[in-house]
Amino acid sequence: MRSDTAVLVTGATGFIGREIVRRLLREGRHVVALARPQAGQSAVARVHAAIGGSPAEGRLTVVAIDLTRLDAAKPADLAWLRDNIATVIHCAGDTRFFVDDLSAFHGVHVRGPVLLLETLAGGRLRTFAHVSTAYVCGRRRGRVLEDDRDVGQAFHNPYERTKLEAEFELVHAAALHGVDLRVLRPSIVVGAAPETSGGVPSNILFSTVRLLAHVASLGARVNRVLRVPGAPHAPFNIVPLEYVADAAVTLAEHPDAAHGTFHLVMSEPLTQATILAMVSDAIGLTGARVVDARCLVSDATPLERRLGRVLGPYRDYLAQDVRFDDRRARAVLAVAGVPAATLDMEAVERLVGLAVGRERIAS
């Protein structure tokens, strides 16, 4: 969807946000990125570095604002944003599962975006797209619907609980101020990732692939029977970054997406066993198989223990058999011409190439 008004993107220096900014700029849109100076770099320098340089034609405006301290922003900057922003795509956040300062965590995920919506309401703002996570479902198993929020679920970590709280608070604020809120819930996003917290899941996946490739390179020198902790027949709930960015840009403004909540996932995810087999084929590894994580408590080999450490806190997600219904998202995206996310052998080889280098795949 195109518009003469600017689209504001938060988290433009992060994993998902920078890809969304690139998409919007390629569409010829004017993008306003909120960022803060960090580690001696200005907000402008950080955003330009994240998206790969300074775009032509002056279509990117960087405003130096810290969302957690919006009350300290320059009044002139806030007035300009109210006069120019019709759409917000909020991607900023701290994706660490556990933090020492829960108050600051709450500020990043809840108070910050709510205050941003309230500050811009009354100006040109019409739609506010909030990037949440499919894992607000917590420890649920089975099918999870897009309308589901609090059904009494337990959570793996404070991150999931806080993201669900943010959804509730934003729904309330949007209704109060007459803003069209769209909630976007990606599963585990994979792609070329920066060393920011948002890129951690993808980087962990790539580290796992590199370890498996290392085992494959050792050939007959090691026992190549390798047990990978997980749930063999459960879906591997990853989704490509490119799909998430395309879907987010579309759903943020498409009229059929008004006031909706959408799972950004693979509609027909492959099982963990299938994905491991495809990765093994791509790197020439034999003997690797997914086993119930509980089977590796006492008799894990040193290599299997190392693999478990690489997977770290994501082992809980691998053990979870959950399936995200995305019929509402697909209905809108199909009309808009955004194809469903898929993971065929070619796509797996691309991901493996990102992890270990394409020359290794070709050899």
Protein backbone atom coordinates (compact mmCIF):
# COMPACT_ATOMS: atom_id res chain seq x y z
CA MET A 1 0.00 0.00 0.00
CA ARG A 2 1.40 3.43 -0.96
CA SER A 3 0.75 6.77 0.67
CA ASP A 4 2.04 10.32 0.52
CA THR A 5 2.46 10.33 4.28
CA ALA A 6 5.49 9.02 6.11
CA VAL A 7 5.76 5.63 7.80
CA LEU A 8 7.46 5.66 11.18
CA VAL A 9 9.54 2.58 12.03
CA THR A 10 10.94 1.92 15.48
CA GLY A 11 13.76 -0.59 15.93
CA ALA A 12 15.23 0.34 12.55
CA THR A 13 18.69 -0.80 13.68
CA GLY A 14 17.41 -4.24 14.67
CA PHE A 15 16.89 -7.54 12.88
CA ILE A 16 13.31 -7.11 11.64
CA GLY A 17 13.13 -3.32 11.67
CA ARG A 18 16.04 -2.74 9.31
CA GLU A 19 14.53 -5.15 6.76
CA ILE A 20 11.19 -3.35 6.96
CA VAL A 21 12.92 0.00 6.39
CA ARG A 22 14.65 -1.42 3.31
CA ARG A 23 11.32 -2.73 1.96
CA LEU A 24 9.59 0.62 2.42
CA LEU A 25 12.43 2.55 0.80
CA ARG A 26 12.41 0.21 -2.20
CA GLU A 27 8.70 0.98 -2.56
CA GLY A 28 9.51 4.69 -2.76
CA ARG A 29 8.05 5.51 0.64
CA HIS A 30 9.22 8.22 3.00
CA VAL A 31 10.43 6.49 6.16
CA VAL A 32 10.97 8.08 9.55
CA ALA A 33 13.19 6.00 11.82
CA LEU A 34 13.28 6.58 15.55
CA ALA A 35 16.66 5.69 17.05
CA ARG A 36 18.97 6.73 19.84
CA PRO A 37 22.71 7.38 19.90
CA GLN A 38 24.69 4.44 21.23
CA ALA A 39 28.34 3.53 21.84
CA GLY A 40 29.60 6.81 20.40
CA GLN A 41 27.49 6.54 17.23
CA SER A 42 24.80 9.06 16.37
CA ALA A 43 21.25 7.89 15.69
CA VAL A 44 21.71 8.75 11.99
CA ALA A 45 24.95 6.78 11.69
CA ARG A 46 23.42 3.74 13.42
CA VAL A 47 20.40 3.64 11.11
CA HIS A 48 22.43 4.16 7.94
CA ALA A 49 24.86 1.42 9.00
CA ALA A 50 22.00 -0.97 9.75
CA ILE A 51 20.26 -0.58 6.40
CA GLY A 52 23.48 -0.51 4.39
CA GLY A 53 24.18 3.13 3.67
CA SER A 54 22.34 6.39 3.16
CA PRO A 55 19.40 6.14 0.71
CA ALA A 56 19.08 8.58 -2.19
CA GLU A 57 16.38 11.20 -2.65
CA GLY A 58 16.15 12.06 1.02
CA ARG A 59 13.41 9.52 1.70
CA LEU A 60 14.80 8.49 5.10
CA THR A 61 14.50 10.80 8.07
CA VAL A 62 16.14 9.77 11.36
CA VAL A 63 14.79 11.32 14.54
CA ALA A 64 16.95 10.87 17.65
CA ILE A 65 14.44 9.78 20.31
CA ASP A 66 14.67 7.19 23.08
CA LEU A 67 11.28 5.48 23.34
CA THR A 68 11.86 4.74 27.00
CA ARG A 69 12.34 8.48 27.63
CA LEU A 70 9.78 9.94 25.26
CA ASP A 71 8.93 12.65 27.79
CA ALA A 72 12.46 13.99 27.31
CA ALA A 73 12.09 14.34 23.54
CA LYS A 74 12.16 17.79 21.96
CA PRO A 75 8.63 19.22 21.70
CA ALA A 76 9.38 20.33 18.12
CA ASP A 77 10.27 16.74 17.14
CA LEU A 78 7.06 15.38 18.64
CA ALA A 79 4.98 18.08 16.94
CA TRP A 80 6.61 17.25 13.60
CA LEU A 81 5.86 13.54 14.07
CA ARG A 82 2.21 14.26 14.87
CA ASP A 83 1.93 16.34 11.71
CA ASN A 84 3.59 13.83 9.38
CA ILE A 85 3.07 10.25 10.60
CA ALA A 86 0.01 8.32 9.45
CA THR A 87 1.40 4.81 10.01
CA VAL A 88 3.66 3.34 12.69
CA ILE A 89 5.39 -0.03 12.47
CA HIS A 90 6.73 -0.67 15.95
CA CYS A 91 9.59 -3.21 15.95
CA ALA A 92 11.75 -1.95 18.81
CA GLY A 93 12.23 -4.18 21.82
CA ASP A 94 14.56 -6.23 23.96
CA THR A 95 14.26 -9.91 23.00
CA ARG A 96 16.27 -11.26 25.90
CA PHE A 97 14.22 -13.85 27.78
CA PHE A 98 15.49 -12.92 31.25
CA VAL A 99 16.67 -9.55 32.52
CA ASP A 100 17.72 -8.16 35.90
CA ASP A 101 15.70 -4.95 35.63
CA LEU A 102 12.06 -5.89 34.98
CA SER A 103 10.93 -2.28 35.33
CA ALA A 104 13.20 -1.20 32.45
CA PHE A 105 12.05 -4.26 30.48
CA HIS A 106 8.44 -3.19 31.01
CA GLY A 107 9.37 0.30 29.87
CA VAL A 108 10.79 -0.98 26.59
CA HIS A 109 7.93 -3.33 25.76
CA VAL A 110 4.86 -1.71 27.32
CA ARG A 111 5.22 1.89 28.47
CA GLY A 112 7.30 2.96 25.45
CA PRO A 113 4.96 1.86 22.66
CA VAL A 114 1.82 2.90 24.57
CA LEU A 115 3.25 6.38 25.15
CA LEU A 116 4.27 6.61 21.48
CA LEU A 117 0.72 5.78 20.38
CA GLU A 118 -0.77 8.26 22.84
CA THR A 119 1.69 10.98 21.82
CA LEU A 120 0.93 10.67 18.11
CA ALA A 121 -2.83 10.20 18.52
CA GLY A 122 -4.73 13.33 17.57
CA GLY A 123 -2.35 14.09 14.72
CA ARG A 124 -2.25 12.28 11.35
CA LEU A 125 -1.79 8.84 12.94
CA ARG A 126 -4.31 6.29 11.68
CA THR A 127 -2.70 2.85 11.99
CA PHE A 128 -0.24 1.43 14.51
CA ALA A 129 1.27 -1.97 13.65
CA HIS A 130 2.85 -3.62 16.66
CA VAL A 131 5.36 -6.46 16.17
CA SER A 132 4.70 -8.91 18.99
CA THR A 133 5.51 -12.64 18.99
CA ALA A 134 3.54 -15.79 18.31
CA TYR A 135 4.94 -17.05 21.61
CA VAL A 136 2.59 -14.93 23.68
CA CYS A 137 0.93 -18.36 23.70
CA GLY A 138 3.50 -19.35 26.34
CA ARG A 139 3.68 -23.06 27.02
CA ARG A 140 0.48 -23.95 25.16
CA ARG A 141 0.43 -26.95 22.85
CA GLY A 142 -1.74 -27.77 19.89
CA ARG A 143 -3.42 -25.16 17.68
CA VAL A 144 -3.26 -21.49 18.64
CA LEU A 145 -5.65 -19.06 16.95
CA GLU A 146 -4.87 -15.49 15.99
CA ASP A 147 -7.61 -14.16 18.28
CA ASP A 148 -6.20 -16.01 21.31
CA ARG A 149 -4.58 -13.90 24.00
CA ASP A 150 -4.85 -14.74 27.69
CA VAL A 151 -6.33 -18.22 28.09
CA GLY A 152 -4.59 -18.93 31.39
CA GLN A 153 -1.36 -20.12 29.80
CA ALA A 154 1.92 -20.50 31.66
CA PHE A 155 5.02 -18.87 30.18
CA HIS A 156 8.58 -19.93 29.45
CA ASN A 157 10.04 -16.57 30.47
CA PRO A 158 9.26 -12.92 31.32
CA TYR A 159 9.69 -11.90 27.66
CA GLU A 160 6.58 -13.82 26.59
CA ARG A 161 4.51 -12.53 29.50
CA THR A 162 5.57 -8.92 28.90
CA LYS A 163 4.81 -9.09 25.18
CA LEU A 164 1.29 -10.31 25.99
CA GLU A 165 0.86 -7.45 28.47
CA ALA A 166 1.96 -5.01 25.76
CA GLU A 167 -0.75 -6.33 23.44
CA PHE A 168 -3.46 -5.75 26.07
CA GLU A 169 -2.21 -2.26 26.93
CA LEU A 170 -1.96 -1.23 23.27
CA VAL A 171 -5.43 -2.58 22.48
CA HIS A 172 -6.83 -0.46 25.31
CA ALA A 173 -4.89 2.67 24.33
CA ALA A 174 -5.77 2.34 20.65
CA ALA A 175 -9.48 1.97 21.40
CA LEU A 176 -9.37 4.98 23.73
CA HIS A 177 -7.69 7.20 21.12
CA GLY A 178 -9.40 5.92 17.97
CA VAL A 179 -6.27 4.38 16.43
CA ASP A 180 -6.41 1.28 14.23
CA LEU A 181 -4.08 -1.20 15.99
CA ARG A 182 -2.74 -4.20 14.05
CA VAL A 183 -0.83 -6.84 16.05
CA LEU A 184 1.77 -8.86 14.12
CA ARG A 185 3.00 -12.10 15.69
CA PRO A 186 5.97 -13.75 13.96
CA SER A 187 7.26 -17.13 15.10
CA ILE A 188 11.06 -17.66 15.21
CA VAL A 189 12.44 -15.40 12.48
CA VAL A 190 15.49 -16.61 10.54
CA GLY A 191 17.76 -14.83 8.09
CA ALA A 192 21.03 -12.91 7.98
CA ALA A 193 21.03 -11.37 11.44
CA PRO A 194 22.99 -8.62 13.19
CA GLU A 195 24.53 -9.16 16.61
CA THR A 196 21.57 -7.52 18.31
CA SER A 197 19.14 -9.22 20.68
CA GLY A 198 16.56 -9.54 17.91
CA GLY A 199 19.01 -11.58 15.84
CA VAL A 200 19.78 -14.06 18.61
CA PRO A 201 17.35 -16.83 17.52
CA SER A 202 18.62 -16.79 13.93
CA ASN A 203 22.25 -16.63 15.06
CA ILE A 204 21.68 -19.62 17.37
CA LEU A 205 20.22 -21.56 14.45
CA PHE A 206 23.21 -20.64 12.29
CA SER A 207 25.62 -21.63 15.09
CA THR A 208 23.88 -25.00 15.25
CA VAL A 209 24.23 -25.46 11.49
CA ARG A 210 27.92 -24.55 11.68
CA LEU A 211 28.45 -27.13 14.42
CA LEU A 212 26.69 -29.78 12.35
CA ALA A 213 28.79 -28.81 9.33
CA HIS A 214 31.92 -29.18 11.45
CA VAL A 215 30.84 -32.70 12.43
CA ALA A 216 30.22 -33.52 8.77
CA SER A 217 33.71 -32.28 7.84
CA LEU A 218 35.32 -34.70 10.31
CA GLY A 219 34.05 -37.64 8.32
CA ALA A 220 35.01 -41.09 9.60
CA ARG A 221 37.22 -39.62 12.32
CA VAL A 222 34.22 -39.28 14.67
CA ASN A 223 31.12 -41.24 15.48
CA ARG A 224 28.62 -39.50 13.22
CA VAL A 225 25.54 -40.69 15.10
CA LEU A 226 24.43 -37.38 16.63
CA ARG A 227 21.26 -36.88 18.66
CA VAL A 228 19.74 -33.41 18.42
CA PRO A 229 17.36 -32.46 21.28
CA GLY A 230 13.83 -31.56 20.26
CA ALA A 231 10.53 -33.17 19.30
CA PRO A 232 10.90 -35.08 16.00
CA HIS A 233 7.28 -34.86 14.89
CA ALA A 234 6.56 -31.34 16.16
CA PRO A 235 6.62 -28.43 13.68
CA PHE A 236 9.80 -26.42 13.40
CA ASN A 237 8.23 -22.98 13.83
CA ILE A 238 10.67 -20.80 11.94
CA VAL A 239 9.72 -18.18 9.36
CA PRO A 240 11.96 -16.39 6.84
CA LEU A 241 12.82 -12.75 7.56
CA GLU A 242 11.85 -11.71 4.04
CA TYR A 243 8.30 -13.01 4.52
CA VAL A 244 7.94 -11.24 7.87
CA ALA A 245 9.07 -7.92 6.38
CA ASP A 246 6.78 -8.21 3.34
CA ALA A 247 3.84 -9.20 5.53
CA ALA A 248 4.46 -6.44 8.06
CA VAL A 249 4.64 -3.71 5.42
CA THR A 250 1.44 -5.00 3.80
CA LEU A 251 -0.60 -5.59 6.95
CA ALA A 252 0.38 -2.24 8.44
CA GLU A 253 -1.77 -0.38 5.91
CA HIS A 254 -4.00 -2.81 4.03
CA PRO A 255 -7.68 -1.91 4.62
CA ASP A 256 -8.67 -5.55 5.11
CA ALA A 257 -6.25 -5.81 8.05
CA ALA A 258 -7.99 -3.18 10.19
CA HIS A 259 -7.91 -3.91 13.95
CA GLY A 260 -6.60 -7.44 13.32
CA THR A 261 -4.11 -9.77 14.98
CA PHE A 262 -2.02 -11.87 12.61
CA HIS A 263 0.35 -14.82 12.92
CA LEU A 264 3.36 -14.36 10.61
CA VAL A 265 4.38 -18.00 10.32
CA MET A 266 4.72 -20.82 7.85
CA SER A 267 1.19 -22.09 7.28
CA GLU A 268 2.42 -25.65 6.77
CA PRO A 269 5.59 -25.93 8.84
CA LEU A 270 7.84 -28.94 8.34
CA THR A 271 8.65 -31.20 11.26
CA GLN A 272 11.92 -30.90 13.10
CA ALA A 273 12.99 -34.31 11.83
CA THR A 274 12.35 -33.22 8.23
CA ILE A 275 14.29 -29.97 8.63
CA LEU A 276 17.26 -31.77 10.18
CA ALA A 277 17.26 -34.24 7.29
CA MET A 278 17.27 -31.37 4.77
CA VAL A 279 20.09 -29.55 6.56
CA SER A 280 22.04 -32.83 6.77
CA ASP A 281 21.64 -33.33 3.02
CA ALA A 282 22.87 -29.80 2.38
CA ILE A 283 26.07 -30.23 4.42
CA GLY A 284 26.76 -33.93 3.78
CA LEU A 285 26.03 -35.13 7.31
CA THR A 286 24.80 -38.65 8.02
CA GLY A 287 23.58 -40.15 11.26
CA ALA A 288 22.00 -37.05 12.84
CA ARG A 289 18.50 -37.44 14.24
CA VAL A 290 16.10 -35.50 16.45
CA VAL A 291 15.30 -37.16 19.76
CA ASP A 292 13.19 -36.20 22.75
CA ALA A 293 15.28 -33.73 24.75
CA ARG A 294 14.60 -35.72 27.91
CA CYS A 295 16.53 -38.65 26.43
CA LEU A 296 19.80 -36.72 26.57
CA VAL A 297 19.97 -35.98 30.27
CA SER A 298 22.44 -38.61 31.44
CA ASP A 299 24.09 -40.26 28.44
CA ALA A 300 24.79 -37.31 26.14
CA THR A 301 28.17 -37.41 24.42
CA PRO A 302 30.49 -34.39 24.74
CA LEU A 303 29.46 -33.29 21.25
CA GLU A 304 25.77 -33.61 22.11
CA ARG A 305 26.29 -31.61 25.30
CA ARG A 306 28.01 -28.93 23.26
CA LEU A 307 25.07 -28.86 20.87
CA GLY A 308 22.71 -28.52 23.83
CA ARG A 309 24.70 -25.51 25.08
CA VAL A 310 24.51 -23.86 21.66
CA LEU A 311 20.73 -24.27 21.56
CA GLY A 312 20.54 -22.90 25.11
CA PRO A 313 17.14 -21.52 26.15
CA TYR A 314 15.58 -22.39 22.78
CA ARG A 315 15.55 -26.06 23.75
CA ASP A 316 12.20 -25.39 25.44
CA TYR A 317 10.74 -24.19 22.16
CA LEU A 318 12.05 -27.22 20.30
CA ALA A 319 10.25 -29.46 22.79
CA GLN A 320 6.95 -27.61 22.31
CA ASP A 321 4.41 -29.04 19.85
CA VAL A 322 2.46 -25.90 18.94
CA ARG A 323 0.82 -24.97 15.64
CA PHE A 324 -0.03 -21.37 14.83
CA ASP A 325 -3.19 -20.83 12.81
CA ASP A 326 -2.62 -18.01 10.29
CA ARG A 327 -5.80 -18.11 8.22
CA ARG A 328 -6.61 -14.45 8.84
CA ALA A 329 -3.12 -13.31 7.85
CA ARG A 330 -3.12 -15.45 4.74
CA ALA A 331 -6.54 -14.17 3.66
CA VAL A 332 -5.29 -10.58 3.60
CA LEU A 333 -1.82 -11.33 2.26
CA ALA A 334 -3.15 -13.50 -0.57
CA VAL A 335 -5.34 -10.62 -1.76
CA ALA A 336 -2.31 -8.33 -1.58
CA GLY A 337 -0.19 -10.75 -3.62
CA VAL A 338 2.19 -11.79 -0.83
CA PRO A 339 2.85 -15.54 -1.27
CA ALA A 340 2.85 -17.91 1.68
CA ALA A 341 6.14 -18.62 3.41
CA THR A 342 7.65 -21.95 2.42
CA LEU A 343 10.82 -23.84 3.24
CA ASP A 344 11.84 -26.10 0.38
CA MET A 345 15.29 -27.58 -0.21
CA GLU A 346 16.45 -24.50 -2.11
CA ALA A 347 15.45 -22.25 0.80
CA VAL A 348 17.20 -24.54 3.30
CA GLU A 349 20.36 -24.44 1.20
CA ARG A 350 20.20 -20.63 1.20
CA LEU A 351 19.96 -20.59 4.99
CA VAL A 352 22.81 -23.08 5.30
CA GLY A 353 24.80 -20.90 2.92
CA LEU A 354 24.27 -17.91 5.18
CA ALA A 355 25.49 -19.97 8.13
CA VAL A 356 28.58 -21.66 6.75
CA GLY A 357 29.35 -19.92 3.46
CA ARG A 358 28.03 -20.78 0.04
CA GLU A 359 31.37 -22.15 -1.12
CA ARG A 360 31.06 -24.98 1.41
CA ILE A 361 27.60 -25.88 0.09
CA ALA A 362 28.81 -25.90 -3.49
CA SER A 363 31.87 -28.05 -2.80
